[in-house]
PDB file of N, CA and C in Angstrom:
ATOM      1  N   VAL A   1       3.384  37.451 -12.606  1.00  0.00           N
ATOM      2  CA  VAL A   1       4.036  37.979 -12.927  1.00  0.00           C
ATOM      3  C   VAL A   1       3.416  39.500 -13.140  1.00  0.00           C
ATOM      4  N   ARG A   2       3.605  40.810 -12.807  1.00  0.00           N
ATOM      5  CA  ARG A   2       3.402  42.176 -13.219  1.00  0.00           C
ATOM      6  C   ARG A   2       4.269  42.542 -13.677  1.00  0.00           C
ATOM      7  N   ALA A   3       3.956  43.199 -14.894  1.00  0.00           N
ATOM      8  CA  ALA A   3       4.604  44.387 -15.980  1.00  0.00           C
ATOM      9  C   ALA A   3       4.792  45.821 -15.002  1.00  0.00           C
ATOM     10  N   GLN A   4       5.947  46.393 -14.750  1.00  0.00           N
ATOM     11  CA  GLN A   4       5.602  47.639 -14.573  1.00  0.00           C
ATOM     12  C   GLN A   4       6.734  48.719 -14.996  1.00  0.00           C
ATOM     13  N   GLY A   5       6.189  48.928 -16.061  1.00  0.00           N
ATOM     14  CA  GLY A   5       7.367  49.932 -16.988  1.00  0.00           C
ATOM     15  C   GLY A   5       8.031  49.018 -17.921  1.00  0.00           C
ATOM     16  N   ASP A   6       9.544  48.993 -17.531  1.00  0.00           N
ATOM     17  CA  ASP A   6      10.178  48.217 -18.350  1.00  0.00           C
ATOM     18  C   ASP A   6      10.672  47.106 -17.454  1.00  0.00           C
ATOM     19  N   THR A   7       9.888  46.633 -16.598  1.00  0.00           N
ATOM     20  CA  THR A   7      10.261  45.657 -15.790  1.00  0.00           C
ATOM     21  C   THR A   7       9.341  44.621 -14.870  1.00  0.00           C
ATOM     22  N   TYR A   8       9.618  43.473 -14.871  1.00  0.00           N
ATOM     23  CA  TYR A   8       8.395  42.382 -14.423  1.00  0.00           C
ATOM     24  C   TYR A   8       8.561  42.263 -12.865  1.00  0.00           C
ATOM     25  N   GLN A   9       7.702  42.187 -12.118  1.00  0.00           N
ATOM     26  CA  GLN A   9       7.891  41.906 -10.702  1.00  0.00           C
ATOM     27  C   GLN A   9       7.072  40.358 -10.582  1.00  0.00           C
ATOM     28  N   VAL A  10       7.793  39.731  -9.613  1.00  0.00           N
ATOM     29  CA  VAL A  10       7.026  38.554  -9.121  1.00  0.00           C
ATOM     30  C   VAL A  10       7.188  38.705  -7.487  1.00  0.00           C
ATOM     31  N   VAL A  11       5.975  38.719  -6.767  1.00  0.00           N
ATOM     32  CA  VAL A  11       5.852  39.066  -5.470  1.00  0.00           C
ATOM     33  C   VAL A  11       5.482  37.970  -4.383  1.00  0.00           C
ATOM     34  N   ALA A  12       5.953  37.519  -3.277  1.00  0.00           N
ATOM     35  CA  ALA A  12       5.671  36.318  -2.557  1.00  0.00           C
ATOM     36  C   ALA A  12       5.655  36.668  -1.405  1.00  0.00           C
ATOM     37  N   ASP A  13       4.744  36.420  -0.440  1.00  0.00           N
ATOM     38  CA  ASP A  13       4.672  36.513   1.083  1.00  0.00           C
ATOM     39  C   ASP A  13       5.137  35.513   1.553  1.00  0.00           C
ATOM     40  N   VAL A  14       6.477  35.491   2.327  1.00  0.00           N
ATOM     41  CA  VAL A  14       7.219  34.438   3.131  1.00  0.00           C
ATOM     42  C   VAL A  14       7.594  35.582   4.252  1.00  0.00           C
ATOM     43  N   SER A  15       6.957  36.125   4.937  1.00  0.00           N
ATOM     44  CA  SER A  15       7.021  36.678   6.080  1.00  0.00           C
ATOM     45  C   SER A  15       7.198  35.332   7.513  1.00  0.00           C
ATOM     46  N   GLN A  16       6.716  34.301   7.461  1.00  0.00           N
ATOM     47  CA  GLN A  16       6.786  33.275   8.081  1.00  0.00           C
ATOM     48  C   GLN A  16       8.333  32.533   8.033  1.00  0.00           C
ATOM     49  N   PHE A  17       9.159  32.618   7.343  1.00  0.00           N
ATOM     50  CA  PHE A  17      10.179  32.394   7.307  1.00  0.00           C
ATOM     51  C   PHE A  17      11.463  33.254   7.513  1.00  0.00           C
ATOM     52  N   GLN A  18      12.545  32.556   8.216  1.00  0.00           N
ATOM     53  CA  GLN A  18      13.453  33.583   8.115  1.00  0.00           C
ATOM     54  C   GLN A  18      14.481  33.702   7.055  1.00  0.00           C
ATOM     55  N   PRO A  19      15.451  34.748   6.936  1.00  0.00           N
ATOM     56  CA  PRO A  19      15.717  34.990   5.279  1.00  0.00           C
ATOM     57  C   PRO A  19      16.980  33.828   4.886  1.00  0.00           C
ATOM     58  N   PRO A  20      17.564  33.126   5.843  1.00  0.00           N
ATOM     59  CA  PRO A  20      18.387  31.980   5.636  1.00  0.00           C
ATOM     60  C   PRO A  20      17.786  30.550   5.237  1.00  0.00           C
ATOM     61  N   ASP A  21      16.135  30.964   5.572  1.00  0.00           N
ATOM     62  CA  ASP A  21      15.488  29.741   5.026  1.00  0.00           C
ATOM     63  C   ASP A  21      14.915  29.876   3.518  1.00  0.00           C
ATOM     64  N   ILE A  22      14.847  30.664   3.052  1.00  0.00           N
ATOM     65  CA  ILE A  22      14.354  30.896   1.361  1.00  0.00           C
ATOM     66  C   ILE A  22      15.471  30.818   0.592  1.00  0.00           C
ATOM     67  N   VAL A  23      15.348  30.310  -0.597  1.00  0.00           N
ATOM     68  CA  VAL A  23      16.101  29.833  -1.647  1.00  0.00           C
ATOM     69  C   VAL A  23      15.279  30.383  -2.996  1.00  0.00           C
ATOM     70  N   VAL A  24      16.110  30.956  -3.869  1.00  0.00           N
ATOM     71  CA  VAL A  24      15.236  31.542  -4.889  1.00  0.00           C
ATOM     72  C   VAL A  24      16.336  31.268  -6.104  1.00  0.00           C
ATOM     73  N   THR A  25      16.122  30.713  -7.164  1.00  0.00           N
ATOM     74  CA  THR A  25      16.638  29.905  -8.208  1.00  0.00           C
ATOM     75  C   THR A  25      15.862  30.408  -9.639  1.00  0.00           C
ATOM     76  N   THR A  26      16.955  30.641 -10.480  1.00  0.00           N
ATOM     77  CA  THR A  26      16.464  30.821 -11.978  1.00  0.00           C
ATOM     78  C   THR A  26      17.079  30.144 -13.165  1.00  0.00           C
ATOM     79  N   SER A  27      16.262  29.871 -13.783  1.00  0.00           N
ATOM     80  CA  SER A  27      16.604  28.967 -14.936  1.00  0.00           C
ATOM     81  C   SER A  27      15.659  28.749 -16.350  1.00  0.00           C
ATOM     82  N   ASN A  28      16.258  29.315 -17.345  1.00  0.00           N
ATOM     83  CA  ASN A  28      15.471  29.336 -18.901  1.00  0.00           C
ATOM     84  C   ASN A  28      13.939  30.333 -18.481  1.00  0.00           C
ATOM     85  N   CYS A  29      14.504  31.238 -17.806  1.00  0.00           N
ATOM     86  CA  CYS A  29      13.465  32.253 -17.645  1.00  0.00           C
ATOM     87  C   CYS A  29      12.192  31.612 -16.817  1.00  0.00           C
ATOM     88  N   HIS A  30      12.508  30.574 -15.687  1.00  0.00           N
ATOM     89  CA  HIS A  30      11.441  30.144 -14.922  1.00  0.00           C
ATOM     90  C   HIS A  30      12.165  30.732 -13.324  1.00  0.00           C
ATOM     91  N   VAL A  31      11.407  31.190 -12.346  1.00  0.00           N
ATOM     92  CA  VAL A  31      11.967  31.449 -10.953  1.00  0.00           C
ATOM     93  C   VAL A  31      11.512  30.365 -10.155  1.00  0.00           C
ATOM     94  N   ALA A  32      11.681  30.272  -9.235  1.00  0.00           N
ATOM     95  CA  ALA A  32      11.496  28.939  -8.150  1.00  0.00           C
ATOM     96  C   ALA A  32      11.899  29.596  -6.749  1.00  0.00           C
ATOM     97  N   ILE A  33      11.153  29.822  -5.947  1.00  0.00           N
ATOM     98  CA  ILE A  33      11.113  30.360  -4.420  1.00  0.00           C
ATOM     99  C   ILE A  33      10.905  29.037  -3.755  1.00  0.00           C
ATOM    100  N   GLN A  34      11.489  28.690  -2.971  1.00  0.00           N
ATOM    101  CA  GLN A  34      11.433  27.391  -1.916  1.00  0.00           C
ATOM    102  C   GLN A  34      11.805  28.129  -0.620  1.00  0.00           C
ATOM    103  N   ALA A  35      11.054  27.773   0.224  1.00  0.00           N
ATOM    104  CA  ALA A  35      11.510  28.370   1.822  1.00  0.00           C
ATOM    105  C   ALA A  35      10.828  26.749   2.700  1.00  0.00           C
ATOM    106  N   GLU A  36      11.741  26.735   3.703  1.00  0.00           N
ATOM    107  CA  GLU A  36      11.277  25.372   4.333  1.00  0.00           C
ATOM    108  C   GLU A  36      11.729  26.027   5.898  1.00  0.00           C
ATOM    109  N   LYS A  37      11.221  25.684   6.844  1.00  0.00           N
ATOM    110  CA  LYS A  37      11.133  25.966   8.602  1.00  0.00           C
ATOM    111  C   LYS A  37      11.394  24.448   9.383  1.00  0.00           C
ATOM    112  N   VAL A  38      12.473  24.639   9.729  1.00  0.00           N
ATOM    113  CA  VAL A  38      13.117  23.382  10.543  1.00  0.00           C
ATOM    114  C   VAL A  38      12.732  23.340  11.798  1.00  0.00           C
ATOM    115  N   ALA A  39      12.151  22.975  12.651  1.00  0.00           N
ATOM    116  CA  ALA A  39      11.889  23.010  14.123  1.00  0.00           C
ATOM    117  C   ALA A  39      13.302  22.375  14.855  1.00  0.00           C
ATOM    118  N   GLU A  40      13.241  22.654  16.303  1.00  0.00           N
ATOM    119  CA  GLU A  40      14.664  22.252  17.128  1.00  0.00           C
ATOM    120  C   GLU A  40      14.882  20.729  16.563  1.00  0.00           C
ATOM    121  N   ASP A  41      13.524  20.081  16.653  1.00  0.00           N
ATOM    122  CA  ASP A  41      14.248  18.663  16.809  1.00  0.00           C
ATOM    123  C   ASP A  41      14.787  18.124  15.273  1.00  0.00           C
ATOM    124  N   GLY A  42      14.527  19.341  14.562  1.00  0.00           N
ATOM    125  CA  GLY A  42      14.973  18.762  12.915  1.00  0.00           C
ATOM    126  C   GLY A  42      14.037  18.405  11.800  1.00  0.00           C
ATOM    127  N   THR A  43      12.675  18.113  12.288  1.00  0.00           N
ATOM    128  CA  THR A  43      11.776  18.254  11.288  1.00  0.00           C
ATOM    129  C   THR A  43      11.221  19.356  10.629  1.00  0.00           C
ATOM    130  N   VAL A  44      10.768  19.013   9.756  1.00  0.00           N
ATOM    131  CA  VAL A  44      10.147  20.232   8.514  1.00  0.00           C
ATOM    132  C   VAL A  44       9.040  20.599   9.047  1.00  0.00           C
ATOM    133  N   CYS A  45       8.419  21.828   9.932  1.00  0.00           N
ATOM    134  CA  CYS A  45       7.486  22.201  10.251  1.00  0.00           C
ATOM    135  C   CYS A  45       6.482  23.290   9.160  1.00  0.00           C
ATOM    136  N   ASP A  46       7.233  23.475   8.478  1.00  0.00           N
ATOM    137  CA  ASP A  46       6.548  24.736   7.134  1.00  0.00           C
ATOM    138  C   ASP A  46       7.146  24.911   6.247  1.00  0.00           C
ATOM    139  N   THR A  47       6.449  24.437   4.787  1.00  0.00           N
ATOM    140  CA  THR A  47       7.421  24.613   3.884  1.00  0.00           C
ATOM    141  C   THR A  47       6.447  25.731   2.467  1.00  0.00           C
ATOM    142  N   PHE A  48       7.177  26.491   1.938  1.00  0.00           N
ATOM    143  CA  PHE A  48       6.205  27.376   1.004  1.00  0.00           C
ATOM    144  C   PHE A  48       7.330  27.078  -0.301  1.00  0.00           C
ATOM    145  N   THR A  49       6.554  26.687  -1.501  1.00  0.00           N
ATOM    146  CA  THR A  49       7.036  26.632  -2.716  1.00  0.00           C
ATOM    147  C   THR A  49       6.151  27.703  -4.389  1.00  0.00           C
ATOM    148  N   HIS A  50       6.929  28.312  -4.710  1.00  0.00           N
ATOM    149  CA  HIS A  50       6.075  28.954  -5.635  1.00  0.00           C
ATOM    150  C   HIS A  50       7.162  28.817  -7.103  1.00  0.00           C
ATOM    151  N   LYS A  51       6.635  28.375  -8.323  1.00  0.00           N
ATOM    152  CA  LYS A  51       7.250  28.565  -9.095  1.00  0.00           C
ATOM    153  C   LYS A  51       6.656  29.320 -10.427  1.00  0.00           C
ATOM    154  N   CYS A  52       7.153  30.283 -11.366  1.00  0.00           N
ATOM    155  CA  CYS A  52       6.470  31.128 -12.111  1.00  0.00           C
ATOM    156  C   CYS A  52       7.346  31.236 -13.832  1.00  0.00           C
ATOM    157  N   GLN A  53       6.779  31.109 -14.881  1.00  0.00           N
ATOM    158  CA  GLN A  53       7.432  31.808 -16.074  1.00  0.00           C
ATOM    159  C   GLN A  53       7.557  33.101 -16.041  1.00  0.00           C
ATOM    160  N   LEU A  54       8.876  33.493 -16.365  1.00  0.00           N
ATOM    161  CA  LEU A  54       8.823  34.950 -16.672  1.00  0.00           C
ATOM    162  C   LEU A  54       8.705  35.064 -17.988  1.00  0.00           C
ATOM    163  N   PRO A  55       8.093  36.367 -18.903  1.00  0.00           N
ATOM    164  CA  PRO A  55       7.964  36.337 -20.234  1.00  0.00           C
ATOM    165  C   PRO A  55       8.948  36.230 -21.079  1.00  0.00           C
ATOM    166  N   GLU A  56       8.820  35.694 -22.552  1.00  0.00           N
ATOM    167  CA  GLU A  56      10.057  35.786 -23.072  1.00  0.00           C
ATOM    168  C   GLU A  56      11.082  36.922 -23.026  1.00  0.00           C
ATOM    169  N   ASP A  57      10.723  38.039 -23.210  1.00  0.00           N
ATOM    170  CA  ASP A  57      11.362  39.407 -23.450  1.00  0.00           C
ATOM    171  C   ASP A  57      11.790  39.503 -22.175  1.00  0.00           C
ATOM    172  N   THR A  58      12.141  38.820 -21.064  1.00  0.00           N
ATOM    173  CA  THR A  58      13.005  39.013 -19.833  1.00  0.00           C
ATOM    174  C   THR A  58      14.544  38.807 -20.111  1.00  0.00           C
ATOM    175  N   ASP A  59      15.571  39.914 -19.935  1.00  0.00           N
ATOM    176  CA  ASP A  59      16.439  39.644 -19.631  1.00  0.00           C
ATOM    177  C   ASP A  59      17.267  38.841 -18.569  1.00  0.00           C
ATOM    178  N   PRO A  60      17.477  37.689 -18.654  1.00  0.00           N
ATOM    179  CA  PRO A  60      17.566  36.740 -17.467  1.00  0.00           C
ATOM    180  C   PRO A  60      18.894  37.210 -16.804  1.00  0.00           C
ATOM    181  N   LEU A  61      20.135  38.146 -17.204  1.00  0.00           N
ATOM    182  CA  LEU A  61      21.083  38.467 -16.297  1.00  0.00           C
ATOM    183  C   LEU A  61      20.673  39.855 -15.529  1.00  0.00           C
ATOM    184  N   SER A  62      18.947  40.098 -15.527  1.00  0.00           N
ATOM    185  CA  SER A  62      18.884  41.461 -14.628  1.00  0.00           C
ATOM    186  C   SER A  62      18.118  40.829 -13.660  1.00  0.00           C
ATOM    187  N   VAL A  63      17.988  39.353 -13.461  1.00  0.00           N
ATOM    188  CA  VAL A  63      17.074  39.298 -12.387  1.00  0.00           C
ATOM    189  C   VAL A  63      17.584  39.235 -10.973  1.00  0.00           C
ATOM    190  N   SER A  64      16.892  40.419 -10.203  1.00  0.00           N
ATOM    191  CA  SER A  64      17.416  40.060  -8.788  1.00  0.00           C
ATOM    192  C   SER A  64      16.041  40.285  -7.772  1.00  0.00           C
ATOM    193  N   CYS A  65      16.274  40.058  -6.359  1.00  0.00           N
ATOM    194  CA  CYS A  65      15.226  40.052  -5.444  1.00  0.00           C
ATOM    195  C   CYS A  65      16.022  40.763  -4.186  1.00  0.00           C
ATOM    196  N   ALA A  66      15.067  41.167  -3.474  1.00  0.00           N
ATOM    197  CA  ALA A  66      14.823  41.642  -2.165  1.00  0.00           C
ATOM    198  C   ALA A  66      13.802  41.320  -1.284  1.00  0.00           C
ATOM    199  N   LEU A  67      13.913  41.623  -0.261  1.00  0.00           N
ATOM    200  CA  LEU A  67      13.291  41.070   0.740  1.00  0.00           C
ATOM    201  C   LEU A  67      12.849  41.988   1.798  1.00  0.00           C
ATOM    202  N   THR A  68      11.426  42.551   1.863  1.00  0.00           N
ATOM    203  CA  THR A  68      11.454  43.545   2.450  1.00  0.00           C
ATOM    204  C   THR A  68      11.165  43.568   4.455  1.00  0.00           C
ATOM    205  N   GLU A  69      11.295  44.620   5.018  1.00  0.00           N
ATOM    206  CA  GLU A  69      10.987  44.279   6.847  1.00  0.00           C
ATOM    207  C   GLU A  69       9.517  43.422   6.939  1.00  0.00           C
ATOM    208  N   ALA A  70       8.725  43.517   6.155  1.00  0.00           N
ATOM    209  CA  ALA A  70       7.739  43.100   6.436  1.00  0.00           C
ATOM    210  C   ALA A  70       7.505  41.437   6.013  1.00  0.00           C
ATOM    211  N   GLY A  71       8.590  40.753   5.263  1.00  0.00           N
ATOM    212  CA  GLY A  71       8.494  40.057   4.760  1.00  0.00           C
ATOM    213  C   GLY A  71       8.008  39.054   3.508  1.00  0.00           C
ATOM    214  N   THR A  72       7.930  40.036   2.348  1.00  0.00           N
ATOM    215  CA  THR A  72       7.670  40.209   1.251  1.00  0.00           C
ATOM    216  C   THR A  72       8.664  39.984   0.241  1.00  0.00           C
ATOM    217  N   LEU A  73       8.794  39.006  -0.413  1.00  0.00           N
ATOM    218  CA  LEU A  73      10.083  38.738  -1.345  1.00  0.00           C
ATOM    219  C   LEU A  73       9.767  39.494  -2.739  1.00  0.00           C
ATOM    220  N   VAL A  74      10.312  40.011  -3.107  1.00  0.00           N
ATOM    221  CA  VAL A  74      10.331  40.872  -4.704  1.00  0.00           C
ATOM    222  C   VAL A  74      11.376  40.665  -5.765  1.00  0.00           C
ATOM    223  N   ILE A  75      10.929  40.009  -6.595  1.00  0.00           N
ATOM    224  CA  ILE A  75      11.920  39.594  -7.725  1.00  0.00           C
ATOM    225  C   ILE A  75      11.574  40.306  -8.625  1.00  0.00           C
ATOM    226  N   THR A  76      12.558  41.270  -9.398  1.00  0.00           N
ATOM    227  CA  THR A  76      12.565  42.118 -10.484  1.00  0.00           C
ATOM    228  C   THR A  76      13.409  41.398 -11.531  1.00  0.00           C
ATOM    229  N   ALA A  77      13.059  41.522 -12.712  1.00  0.00           N
ATOM    230  CA  ALA A  77      13.683  41.310 -13.854  1.00  0.00           C
ATOM    231  C   ALA A  77      13.300  42.414 -14.774  1.00  0.00           C
ATOM    232  N   ARG A  78      13.918  42.953 -15.455  1.00  0.00           N
ATOM    233  CA  ARG A  78      14.126  44.064 -16.869  1.00  0.00           C
ATOM    234  C   ARG A  78      13.901  43.556 -18.031  1.00  0.00           C
ATOM    235  N   ARG A  79      12.768  44.093 -18.625  1.00  0.00           N
ATOM    236  CA  ARG A  79      12.305  43.882 -20.331  1.00  0.00           C
ATOM    237  C   ARG A  79      13.422  44.524 -21.304  1.00  0.00           C
ATOM    238  N   ARG A  80      13.719  43.613 -22.079  1.00  0.00           N
ATOM    239  CA  ARG A  80      14.640  43.454 -23.396  1.00  0.00           C
ATOM    240  C   ARG A  80      14.118  44.650 -23.994  1.00  0.00           C
TER     241      ARG A  80
END
């Protein structure tokens, strides 16, 4: 978790996954990133999981995420 001005950022490289394969959830100032690549035969061939805790002064309603063209997931939250 990086502090930049009045925001916090979490950055993850998920370039090996397609956008529909990536799930981001938040709960009690925790952020969880999960991604799963499924082969044509239905087997899971690659997974990614990352969990982190946001600082206590994070505004939980301000959490948002964006995926860059290069496959970097950027999660941003405002500080109170």
